[in-house]
């Protein structure tokens, strides 16, 4: 099954995702406020729209991949946005990482407009988006999730319906909690190994093959040891995500002491001017705390 898909937000993640949907046979009409961001989609055979209304008009599915809740609210709920231009029955899939309460609000307003809404944030980073192997955690009605499967399948390897509206965003918050904590510990392991005169690259190879192994060690250990921090996912965005984590914890009335510490380390990286670097640049914070920078 193929669809006409409006894809709004063609950044580091959205651009390769839109290209993969085009390669799968979907008709993709993309829009981004930065016109140059649409060139990969155009080169892949997609159409580039000059406005949200132009992209959404005639679409069967609308996907948004935007930086934060305010952008989603503006693009979806704002004047001449998605809800003003989508035809009844359209499937609106927000794949951004935003606050669960924003997803619930978008779903409720969409329901009143006779639109089907899913929150479907992703994990896997830029490379996962390029390779089409993202993990996709989906909140919303089960029937709408099944209807969206042909859209999700070119994008992800692990695709799970995790509950009602907003549940996808809560699972994504948990994901970012674990990812941030793992980066912080890998960074400290590198500092310890190097300070003790041990070959960090070899040491991390051993860790990656044992119980300490993780996807982060698999993909990032060599670039971290080499101090290569070109962004696949920026510190600035992870800082935003940790704010979502802490807000979700307050809403659920639970204590996340390790999460609070990770949030502070990421805030420190941002304060030190590393916000535009990859979140593996938490190594810079670990080094500075030990006087190794």
C-alpha atoms as a PDB file:
ATOM      1  CA  UNK A   1       0.000   0.000   0.000  1.00  0.00           C
ATOM      2  CA  UNK A   2       1.328   3.423  -0.912  1.00  0.00           C
ATOM      3  CA  UNK A   3       0.110   6.859   0.089  1.00  0.00           C
ATOM      4  CA  UNK A   4       0.540  10.512  -0.700  1.00  0.00           C
ATOM      5  CA  UNK A   5       2.522  11.798   2.269  1.00  0.00           C
ATOM      6  CA  UNK A   6       3.127  15.388   3.328  1.00  0.00           C
ATOM      7  CA  UNK A   7       6.414  15.454   5.244  1.00  0.00           C
ATOM      8  CA  UNK A   8       6.946  18.614   7.288  1.00  0.00           C
ATOM      9  CA  UNK A   9      10.438  19.104   8.719  1.00  0.00           C
ATOM     10  CA  UNK A  10      13.381  17.951   6.605  1.00  0.00           C
ATOM     11  CA  UNK A  11      16.276  18.245   9.015  1.00  0.00           C
ATOM     12  CA  UNK A  12      18.917  15.716  10.085  1.00  0.00           C
ATOM     13  CA  UNK A  13      16.239  13.075  10.744  1.00  0.00           C
ATOM     14  CA  UNK A  14      13.389  14.151   8.506  1.00  0.00           C
ATOM     15  CA  UNK A  15      15.392  14.392   5.309  1.00  0.00           C
ATOM     16  CA  UNK A  16      16.569  10.742   5.152  1.00  0.00           C
ATOM     17  CA  UNK A  17      13.175   9.554   6.396  1.00  0.00           C
ATOM     18  CA  UNK A  18      11.405  11.351   3.558  1.00  0.00           C
ATOM     19  CA  UNK A  19      13.890   9.887   1.075  1.00  0.00           C
ATOM     20  CA  UNK A  20      13.246   6.360   2.379  1.00  0.00           C
ATOM     21  CA  UNK A  21       9.492   6.823   2.039  1.00  0.00           C
ATOM     22  CA  UNK A  22       9.981   7.953  -1.558  1.00  0.00           C
ATOM     23  CA  UNK A  23      12.183   4.928  -2.269  1.00  0.00           C
ATOM     24  CA  UNK A  24       9.417   2.697  -0.896  1.00  0.00           C
ATOM     25  CA  UNK A  25       7.011   3.984  -3.539  1.00  0.00           C
ATOM     26  CA  UNK A  26       5.099   6.593  -1.588  1.00  0.00           C
ATOM     27  CA  UNK A  27       4.409   9.970  -3.157  1.00  0.00           C
ATOM     28  CA  UNK A  28       6.152  12.391  -0.799  1.00  0.00           C
ATOM     29  CA  UNK A  29       5.607  16.143  -0.755  1.00  0.00           C
ATOM     30  CA  UNK A  30       8.070  17.822   1.589  1.00  0.00           C
ATOM     31  CA  UNK A  31       8.255  21.210   3.233  1.00  0.00           C
ATOM     32  CA  UNK A  32      10.846  22.901   5.428  1.00  0.00           C
ATOM     33  CA  UNK A  33      11.353  26.549   6.339  1.00  0.00           C
ATOM     34  CA  UNK A  34      14.975  26.100   5.202  1.00  0.00           C
ATOM     35  CA  UNK A  35      14.555  25.513   1.478  1.00  0.00           C
ATOM     36  CA  UNK A  36      17.977  23.897   1.024  1.00  0.00           C
ATOM     37  CA  UNK A  37      16.949  21.107   3.407  1.00  0.00           C
ATOM     38  CA  UNK A  38      14.521  19.818   0.783  1.00  0.00           C
ATOM     39  CA  UNK A  39      17.147  19.110  -1.871  1.00  0.00           C
ATOM     40  CA  UNK A  40      17.794  15.439  -0.922  1.00  0.00           C
ATOM     41  CA  UNK A  41      14.064  14.744  -1.203  1.00  0.00           C
ATOM     42  CA  UNK A  42      13.879  16.518  -4.551  1.00  0.00           C
ATOM     43  CA  UNK A  43      16.882  14.527  -5.801  1.00  0.00           C
ATOM     44  CA  UNK A  44      15.195  11.283  -4.689  1.00  0.00           C
ATOM     45  CA  UNK A  45      12.091  12.057  -6.741  1.00  0.00           C
ATOM     46  CA  UNK A  46       9.882  13.725  -4.164  1.00  0.00           C
ATOM     47  CA  UNK A  47       8.091  17.012  -4.637  1.00  0.00           C
ATOM     48  CA  UNK A  48       9.011  20.121  -2.654  1.00  0.00           C
ATOM     49  CA  UNK A  49       6.142  22.330  -1.531  1.00  0.00           C
ATOM     50  CA  UNK A  50       6.353  26.076  -0.960  1.00  0.00           C
ATOM     51  CA  UNK A  51       4.035  26.109   2.072  1.00  0.00           C
ATOM     52  CA  UNK A  52       2.395  23.865   4.650  1.00  0.00           C
ATOM     53  CA  UNK A  53      -0.912  24.242   2.853  1.00  0.00           C
ATOM     54  CA  UNK A  54       0.652  23.218  -0.455  1.00  0.00           C
ATOM     55  CA  UNK A  55       2.208  20.116   1.119  1.00  0.00           C
ATOM     56  CA  UNK A  56      -0.858  19.019   3.063  1.00  0.00           C
ATOM     57  CA  UNK A  57      -3.512  19.617   0.413  1.00  0.00           C
ATOM     58  CA  UNK A  58      -4.429  16.245  -1.094  1.00  0.00           C
ATOM     59  CA  UNK A  59      -2.272  14.205   1.316  1.00  0.00           C
ATOM     60  CA  UNK A  60      -3.478  10.908   2.777  1.00  0.00           C
ATOM     61  CA  UNK A  61      -0.866  11.072   5.553  1.00  0.00           C
ATOM     62  CA  UNK A  62       0.853  14.050   7.183  1.00  0.00           C
ATOM     63  CA  UNK A  63       4.137  13.483   9.051  1.00  0.00           C
ATOM     64  CA  UNK A  64       5.750  16.142  11.199  1.00  0.00           C
ATOM     65  CA  UNK A  65       9.379  15.899  12.363  1.00  0.00           C
ATOM     66  CA  UNK A  66      10.050  19.139  14.232  1.00  0.00           C
ATOM     67  CA  UNK A  67      12.374  20.326  17.020  1.00  0.00           C
ATOM     68  CA  UNK A  68      10.012  20.845  19.970  1.00  0.00           C
ATOM     69  CA  UNK A  69       6.449  21.332  21.220  1.00  0.00           C
ATOM     70  CA  UNK A  70       6.101  25.009  20.154  1.00  0.00           C
ATOM     71  CA  UNK A  71       6.969  24.159  16.553  1.00  0.00           C
ATOM     72  CA  UNK A  72       4.514  21.257  16.503  1.00  0.00           C
ATOM     73  CA  UNK A  73       1.773  23.458  17.926  1.00  0.00           C
ATOM     74  CA  UNK A  74       2.497  26.164  15.355  1.00  0.00           C
ATOM     75  CA  UNK A  75       2.690  23.832  12.358  1.00  0.00           C
ATOM     76  CA  UNK A  76      -0.213  21.548  13.293  1.00  0.00           C
ATOM     77  CA  UNK A  77      -2.583  23.766  15.271  1.00  0.00           C
ATOM     78  CA  UNK A  78      -1.620  27.221  14.020  1.00  0.00           C
ATOM     79  CA  UNK A  79      -3.378  29.386  11.472  1.00  0.00           C
ATOM     80  CA  UNK A  80      -3.176  27.854   7.984  1.00  0.00           C
ATOM     81  CA  UNK A  81      -1.405  24.856   9.479  1.00  0.00           C
ATOM     82  CA  UNK A  82      -2.037  21.151   9.126  1.00  0.00           C
ATOM     83  CA  UNK A  83      -5.479  21.075  10.737  1.00  0.00           C
ATOM     84  CA  UNK A  84      -6.685  23.956   8.605  1.00  0.00           C
ATOM     85  CA  UNK A  85      -5.672  22.224   5.374  1.00  0.00           C
ATOM     86  CA  UNK A  86      -5.927  18.454   5.885  1.00  0.00           C
ATOM     87  CA  UNK A  87      -8.963  16.703   4.449  1.00  0.00           C
ATOM     88  CA  UNK A  88     -11.192  14.690   6.828  1.00  0.00           C
ATOM     89  CA  UNK A  89      -9.876  11.255   7.724  1.00  0.00           C
ATOM     90  CA  UNK A  90      -6.236  12.097   7.110  1.00  0.00           C
ATOM     91  CA  UNK A  91      -3.703  10.318   9.320  1.00  0.00           C
ATOM     92  CA  UNK A  92      -1.512  12.877  11.130  1.00  0.00           C
ATOM     93  CA  UNK A  93       1.663  11.323  12.546  1.00  0.00           C
ATOM     94  CA  UNK A  94       3.899  13.478  14.710  1.00  0.00           C
ATOM     95  CA  UNK A  95       7.350  11.880  14.855  1.00  0.00           C
ATOM     96  CA  UNK A  96       8.945  14.753  16.778  1.00  0.00           C
ATOM     97  CA  UNK A  97      10.084  14.398  20.374  1.00  0.00           C
ATOM     98  CA  UNK A  98       7.790  16.637  22.427  1.00  0.00           C
ATOM     99  CA  UNK A  99       5.951  16.745  25.733  1.00  0.00           C
ATOM    100  CA  UNK A 100       3.277  14.034  26.176  1.00  0.00           C
ATOM    101  CA  UNK A 101       0.687  16.666  27.071  1.00  0.00           C
ATOM    102  CA  UNK A 102       1.274  18.400  23.731  1.00  0.00           C
ATOM    103  CA  UNK A 103       0.670  15.122  21.897  1.00  0.00           C
ATOM    104  CA  UNK A 104      -2.567  14.616  23.821  1.00  0.00           C
ATOM    105  CA  UNK A 105      -3.738  18.124  22.962  1.00  0.00           C
ATOM    106  CA  UNK A 106      -2.939  17.701  19.263  1.00  0.00           C
ATOM    107  CA  UNK A 107      -4.810  14.383  19.242  1.00  0.00           C
ATOM    108  CA  UNK A 108      -7.883  15.887  20.902  1.00  0.00           C
ATOM    109  CA  UNK A 109      -8.038  18.879  18.562  1.00  0.00           C
ATOM    110  CA  UNK A 110      -7.440  16.553  15.600  1.00  0.00           C
ATOM    111  CA  UNK A 111     -10.282  14.285  16.702  1.00  0.00           C
ATOM    112  CA  UNK A 112     -12.617  17.281  16.746  1.00  0.00           C
ATOM    113  CA  UNK A 113     -11.579  17.976  13.135  1.00  0.00           C
ATOM    114  CA  UNK A 114     -12.216  14.332  12.108  1.00  0.00           C
ATOM    115  CA  UNK A 115      -8.504  13.567  11.773  1.00  0.00           C
ATOM    116  CA  UNK A 116      -6.646  10.509  13.065  1.00  0.00           C
ATOM    117  CA  UNK A 117      -3.564  11.415  15.110  1.00  0.00           C
ATOM    118  CA  UNK A 118      -0.608   9.357  16.338  1.00  0.00           C
ATOM    119  CA  UNK A 119       2.462  10.369  18.327  1.00  0.00           C
ATOM    120  CA  UNK A 120       5.364   8.317  16.978  1.00  0.00           C
ATOM    121  CA  UNK A 121       8.767   9.566  18.157  1.00  0.00           C
ATOM    122  CA  UNK A 122      11.824   7.646  17.032  1.00  0.00           C
ATOM    123  CA  UNK A 123      15.198   6.495  18.314  1.00  0.00           C
ATOM    124  CA  UNK A 124      18.275   5.513  16.348  1.00  0.00           C
ATOM    125  CA  UNK A 125      19.808   8.815  15.369  1.00  0.00           C
ATOM    126  CA  UNK A 126      20.787  10.093  11.968  1.00  0.00           C
ATOM    127  CA  UNK A 127      22.356   6.795  10.865  1.00  0.00           C
ATOM    128  CA  UNK A 128      19.250   4.889  11.885  1.00  0.00           C
ATOM    129  CA  UNK A 129      17.166   7.304   9.841  1.00  0.00           C
ATOM    130  CA  UNK A 130      19.441   6.883   6.817  1.00  0.00           C
ATOM    131  CA  UNK A 131      19.418   3.072   7.097  1.00  0.00           C
ATOM    132  CA  UNK A 132      15.682   2.863   7.783  1.00  0.00           C
ATOM    133  CA  UNK A 133      16.188   0.950  11.044  1.00  0.00           C
ATOM    134  CA  UNK A 134      14.742   3.372  13.581  1.00  0.00           C
ATOM    135  CA  UNK A 135      12.855   2.275  16.667  1.00  0.00           C
ATOM    136  CA  UNK A 136       9.387   3.802  16.503  1.00  0.00           C
ATOM    137  CA  UNK A 137       7.257   4.054  19.663  1.00  0.00           C
ATOM    138  CA  UNK A 138       3.648   4.853  18.841  1.00  0.00           C
ATOM    139  CA  UNK A 139       0.843   6.298  20.954  1.00  0.00           C
ATOM    140  CA  UNK A 140      -2.768   6.484  19.810  1.00  0.00           C
ATOM    141  CA  UNK A 141      -5.624   4.247  18.709  1.00  0.00           C
ATOM    142  CA  UNK A 142      -4.673   0.681  17.756  1.00  0.00           C
ATOM    143  CA  UNK A 143      -6.642   0.859  14.492  1.00  0.00           C
ATOM    144  CA  UNK A 144      -4.794   3.998  13.423  1.00  0.00           C
ATOM    145  CA  UNK A 145      -1.494   2.340  14.305  1.00  0.00           C
ATOM    146  CA  UNK A 146      -2.311  -0.571  11.999  1.00  0.00           C
ATOM    147  CA  UNK A 147      -3.316   1.836   9.236  1.00  0.00           C
ATOM    148  CA  UNK A 148       0.065   3.556   9.608  1.00  0.00           C
ATOM    149  CA  UNK A 149       2.160   0.388   9.329  1.00  0.00           C
ATOM    150  CA  UNK A 150       2.914   0.797   5.589  1.00  0.00           C
ATOM    151  CA  UNK A 151       4.294   4.248   6.410  1.00  0.00           C
ATOM    152  CA  UNK A 152       6.357   3.106   9.380  1.00  0.00           C
ATOM    153  CA  UNK A 153       7.897   0.044   7.748  1.00  0.00           C
ATOM    154  CA  UNK A 154      10.301   1.887   5.374  1.00  0.00           C
ATOM    155  CA  UNK A 155      11.491   3.942   8.347  1.00  0.00           C
ATOM    156  CA  UNK A 156      12.008   1.510  11.181  1.00  0.00           C
ATOM    157  CA  UNK A 157      13.020  -1.930  12.305  1.00  0.00           C
ATOM    158  CA  UNK A 158      11.319  -1.943  15.711  1.00  0.00           C
ATOM    159  CA  UNK A 159       7.771  -0.584  15.502  1.00  0.00           C
ATOM    160  CA  UNK A 160       5.636  -0.903  18.631  1.00  0.00           C
ATOM    161  CA  UNK A 161       2.242   0.425  19.668  1.00  0.00           C
ATOM    162  CA  UNK A 162       2.903   1.381  23.303  1.00  0.00           C
ATOM    163  CA  UNK A 163      -0.445   2.776  24.404  1.00  0.00           C
ATOM    164  CA  UNK A 164      -2.850   5.716  24.082  1.00  0.00           C
ATOM    165  CA  UNK A 165      -2.104   9.249  22.922  1.00  0.00           C
ATOM    166  CA  UNK A 166       1.040  10.576  24.595  1.00  0.00           C
ATOM    167  CA  UNK A 167       2.405   7.130  25.440  1.00  0.00           C
ATOM    168  CA  UNK A 168       4.878   7.238  22.572  1.00  0.00           C
ATOM    169  CA  UNK A 169       6.344  10.436  23.977  1.00  0.00           C
ATOM    170  CA  UNK A 170       6.620   8.946  27.462  1.00  0.00           C
ATOM    171  CA  UNK A 171       8.521   5.950  26.093  1.00  0.00           C
ATOM    172  CA  UNK A 172      10.770   8.329  24.156  1.00  0.00           C
ATOM    173  CA  UNK A 173      11.472  10.228  27.386  1.00  0.00           C
ATOM    174  CA  UNK A 174      12.539   6.944  28.988  1.00  0.00           C
ATOM    175  CA  UNK A 175      14.726   6.256  25.954  1.00  0.00           C
ATOM    176  CA  UNK A 176      16.489   9.604  26.255  1.00  0.00           C
ATOM    177  CA  UNK A 177      17.007   9.007  29.969  1.00  0.00           C
ATOM    178  CA  UNK A 178      18.814   5.729  29.266  1.00  0.00           C
ATOM    179  CA  UNK A 179      20.770   7.121  26.305  1.00  0.00           C
ATOM    180  CA  UNK A 180      21.973  10.162  28.231  1.00  0.00           C
ATOM    181  CA  UNK A 181      22.980   8.051  31.216  1.00  0.00           C
ATOM    182  CA  UNK A 182      24.845   5.584  29.034  1.00  0.00           C
ATOM    183  CA  UNK A 183      26.781   8.345  27.278  1.00  0.00           C
ATOM    184  CA  UNK A 184      27.728   9.813  30.654  1.00  0.00           C
ATOM    185  CA  UNK A 185      29.069   6.478  31.900  1.00  0.00           C
ATOM    186  CA  UNK A 186      30.941   5.691  28.696  1.00  0.00           C
ATOM    187  CA  UNK A 187      32.519   9.140  28.934  1.00  0.00           C
ATOM    188  CA  UNK A 188      33.650   8.449  32.501  1.00  0.00           C
ATOM    189  CA  UNK A 189      35.016   5.048  31.460  1.00  0.00           C
ATOM    190  CA  UNK A 190      37.166   6.730  28.808  1.00  0.00           C
ATOM    191  CA  UNK A 191      38.468   9.284  31.305  1.00  0.00           C
ATOM    192  CA  UNK A 192      39.310   6.508  33.795  1.00  0.00           C
ATOM    193  CA  UNK A 193      41.024   4.279  31.233  1.00  0.00           C
ATOM    194  CA  UNK A 194      43.142   7.057  29.769  1.00  0.00           C
ATOM    195  CA  UNK A 195      44.113   8.490  33.164  1.00  0.00           C
ATOM    196  CA  UNK A 196      45.266   5.013  34.242  1.00  0.00           C
ATOM    197  CA  UNK A 197      47.429   4.656  31.133  1.00  0.00           C
ATOM    198  CA  UNK A 198      45.217   2.002  29.553  1.00  0.00           C
ATOM    199  CA  UNK A 199      44.439   1.965  25.832  1.00  0.00           C
ATOM    200  CA  UNK A 200      40.867   3.271  25.852  1.00  0.00           C
ATOM    201  CA  UNK A 201      40.047   1.949  22.388  1.00  0.00           C
ATOM    202  CA  UNK A 202      41.038  -1.583  23.339  1.00  0.00           C
ATOM    203  CA  UNK A 203      39.350  -1.327  26.701  1.00  0.00           C
ATOM    204  CA  UNK A 204      36.059  -0.253  25.133  1.00  0.00           C
ATOM    205  CA  UNK A 205      36.306  -3.085  22.604  1.00  0.00           C
ATOM    206  CA  UNK A 206      36.313  -5.485  25.546  1.00  0.00           C
ATOM    207  CA  UNK A 207      33.404  -3.693  27.236  1.00  0.00           C
ATOM    208  CA  UNK A 208      31.364  -3.755  24.034  1.00  0.00           C
ATOM    209  CA  UNK A 209      31.645  -7.550  23.913  1.00  0.00           C
ATOM    210  CA  UNK A 210      30.546  -8.168  27.492  1.00  0.00           C
ATOM    211  CA  UNK A 211      27.636  -7.372  29.773  1.00  0.00           C
ATOM    212  CA  UNK A 212      28.453  -3.655  29.522  1.00  0.00           C
ATOM    213  CA  UNK A 213      27.821  -3.802  25.783  1.00  0.00           C
ATOM    214  CA  UNK A 214      25.285  -1.382  24.321  1.00  0.00           C
ATOM    215  CA  UNK A 215      24.241   0.153  21.043  1.00  0.00           C
ATOM    216  CA  UNK A 216      26.112   3.289  22.080  1.00  0.00           C
ATOM    217  CA  UNK A 217      29.354   1.382  22.600  1.00  0.00           C
ATOM    218  CA  UNK A 218      28.787  -0.382  19.293  1.00  0.00           C
ATOM    219  CA  UNK A 219      28.300   2.801  17.289  1.00  0.00           C
ATOM    220  CA  UNK A 220      30.122   5.544  19.178  1.00  0.00           C
ATOM    221  CA  UNK A 221      33.114   4.192  21.104  1.00  0.00           C
ATOM    222  CA  UNK A 222      35.649   4.830  18.342  1.00  0.00           C
ATOM    223  CA  UNK A 223      34.423   8.346  17.548  1.00  0.00           C
ATOM    224  CA  UNK A 224      34.371   9.237  21.256  1.00  0.00           C
ATOM    225  CA  UNK A 225      37.953   8.063  21.789  1.00  0.00           C
ATOM    226  CA  UNK A 226      38.941  10.056  18.681  1.00  0.00           C
ATOM    227  CA  UNK A 227      37.054  13.117  20.011  1.00  0.00           C
ATOM    228  CA  UNK A 228      34.912  13.292  16.881  1.00  0.00           C
ATOM    229  CA  UNK A 229      31.655  14.976  17.856  1.00  0.00           C
ATOM    230  CA  UNK A 230      29.988  15.868  14.550  1.00  0.00           C
ATOM    231  CA  UNK A 231      26.297  15.893  15.432  1.00  0.00           C
ATOM    232  CA  UNK A 232      24.045  13.005  14.747  1.00  0.00           C
ATOM    233  CA  UNK A 233      21.943  14.271  17.649  1.00  0.00           C
ATOM    234  CA  UNK A 234      22.886  17.586  19.230  1.00  0.00           C
ATOM    235  CA  UNK A 235      23.440  18.319  22.906  1.00  0.00           C
ATOM    236  CA  UNK A 236      20.894  21.152  22.539  1.00  0.00           C
ATOM    237  CA  UNK A 237      18.174  18.674  21.600  1.00  0.00           C
ATOM    238  CA  UNK A 238      19.089  16.220  24.339  1.00  0.00           C
ATOM    239  CA  UNK A 239      18.941  19.109  26.818  1.00  0.00           C
ATOM    240  CA  UNK A 240      15.372  19.764  25.639  1.00  0.00           C
ATOM    241  CA  UNK A 241      14.556  16.073  25.962  1.00  0.00           C
ATOM    242  CA  UNK A 242      15.850  15.886  29.535  1.00  0.00           C
ATOM    243  CA  UNK A 243      13.479  18.711  30.380  1.00  0.00           C
ATOM    244  CA  UNK A 244      10.687  16.469  29.078  1.00  0.00           C
ATOM    245  CA  UNK A 245      12.004  13.590  31.204  1.00  0.00           C
ATOM    246  CA  UNK A 246      12.000  15.649  34.390  1.00  0.00           C
ATOM    247  CA  UNK A 247       8.560  17.110  33.664  1.00  0.00           C
ATOM    248  CA  UNK A 248       7.175  13.623  33.026  1.00  0.00           C
ATOM    249  CA  UNK A 249       8.674  12.431  36.317  1.00  0.00           C
ATOM    250  CA  UNK A 250       7.013  15.295  38.177  1.00  0.00           C
ATOM    251  CA  UNK A 251       3.691  14.529  36.500  1.00  0.00           C
ATOM    252  CA  UNK A 252       3.981  10.838  37.436  1.00  0.00           C
ATOM    253  CA  UNK A 253       5.160  11.764  40.956  1.00  0.00           C
ATOM    254  CA  UNK A 254       8.290   9.623  40.797  1.00  0.00           C
ATOM    255  CA  UNK A 255      11.902  10.337  41.729  1.00  0.00           C
ATOM    256  CA  UNK A 256      14.621  10.010  39.071  1.00  0.00           C
ATOM    257  CA  UNK A 257      17.844  10.954  40.880  1.00  0.00           C
ATOM    258  CA  UNK A 258      20.129   9.562  38.178  1.00  0.00           C
ATOM    259  CA  UNK A 259      18.029  11.280  35.553  1.00  0.00           C
ATOM    260  CA  UNK A 260      18.398  14.593  37.356  1.00  0.00           C
ATOM    261  CA  UNK A 261      22.183  14.148  37.410  1.00  0.00           C
ATOM    262  CA  UNK A 262      22.281  13.310  33.708  1.00  0.00           C
ATOM    263  CA  UNK A 263      20.175  16.385  33.003  1.00  0.00           C
ATOM    264  CA  UNK A 264      22.699  18.525  34.880  1.00  0.00           C
ATOM    265  CA  UNK A 265      25.646  17.033  32.977  1.00  0.00           C
ATOM    266  CA  UNK A 266      23.922  17.743  29.670  1.00  0.00           C
ATOM    267  CA  UNK A 267      23.100  21.273  30.850  1.00  0.00           C
ATOM    268  CA  UNK A 268      26.781  21.700  31.738  1.00  0.00           C
ATOM    269  CA  UNK A 269      27.820  20.627  28.237  1.00  0.00           C
ATOM    270  CA  UNK A 270      25.489  23.228  26.807  1.00  0.00           C
ATOM    271  CA  UNK A 271      26.741  25.904  29.205  1.00  0.00           C
ATOM    272  CA  UNK A 272      30.313  25.103  28.172  1.00  0.00           C
ATOM    273  CA  UNK A 273      29.418  25.898  24.565  1.00  0.00           C
ATOM    274  CA  UNK A 274      28.995  22.355  23.260  1.00  0.00           C
ATOM    275  CA  UNK A 275      25.293  22.552  22.427  1.00  0.00           C
ATOM    276  CA  UNK A 276      25.874  22.110  18.698  1.00  0.00           C
ATOM    277  CA  UNK A 277      27.973  18.970  19.156  1.00  0.00           C
ATOM    278  CA  UNK A 278      26.793  15.371  19.263  1.00  0.00           C
ATOM    279  CA  UNK A 279      25.518  14.187  22.651  1.00  0.00           C
ATOM    280  CA  UNK A 280      28.577  11.939  22.895  1.00  0.00           C
ATOM    281  CA  UNK A 281      30.376  15.225  23.674  1.00  0.00           C
ATOM    282  CA  UNK A 282      29.398  14.566  27.290  1.00  0.00           C
ATOM    283  CA  UNK A 283      32.986  13.272  27.274  1.00  0.00           C
ATOM    284  CA  UNK A 284      34.081  16.912  27.316  1.00  0.00           C
ATOM    285  CA  UNK A 285      32.193  17.477  30.564  1.00  0.00           C
ATOM    286  CA  UNK A 286      33.681  14.341  32.154  1.00  0.00           C
ATOM    287  CA  UNK A 287      37.159  15.496  31.145  1.00  0.00           C
ATOM    288  CA  UNK A 288      36.660  19.008  32.479  1.00  0.00           C
ATOM    289  CA  UNK A 289      35.457  17.690  35.854  1.00  0.00           C
ATOM    290  CA  UNK A 290      38.744  15.782  36.163  1.00  0.00           C
ATOM    291  CA  UNK A 291      40.889  18.648  34.883  1.00  0.00           C
ATOM    292  CA  UNK A 292      41.718  16.742  31.696  1.00  0.00           C
ATOM    293  CA  UNK A 293      40.372  19.181  29.096  1.00  0.00           C
END
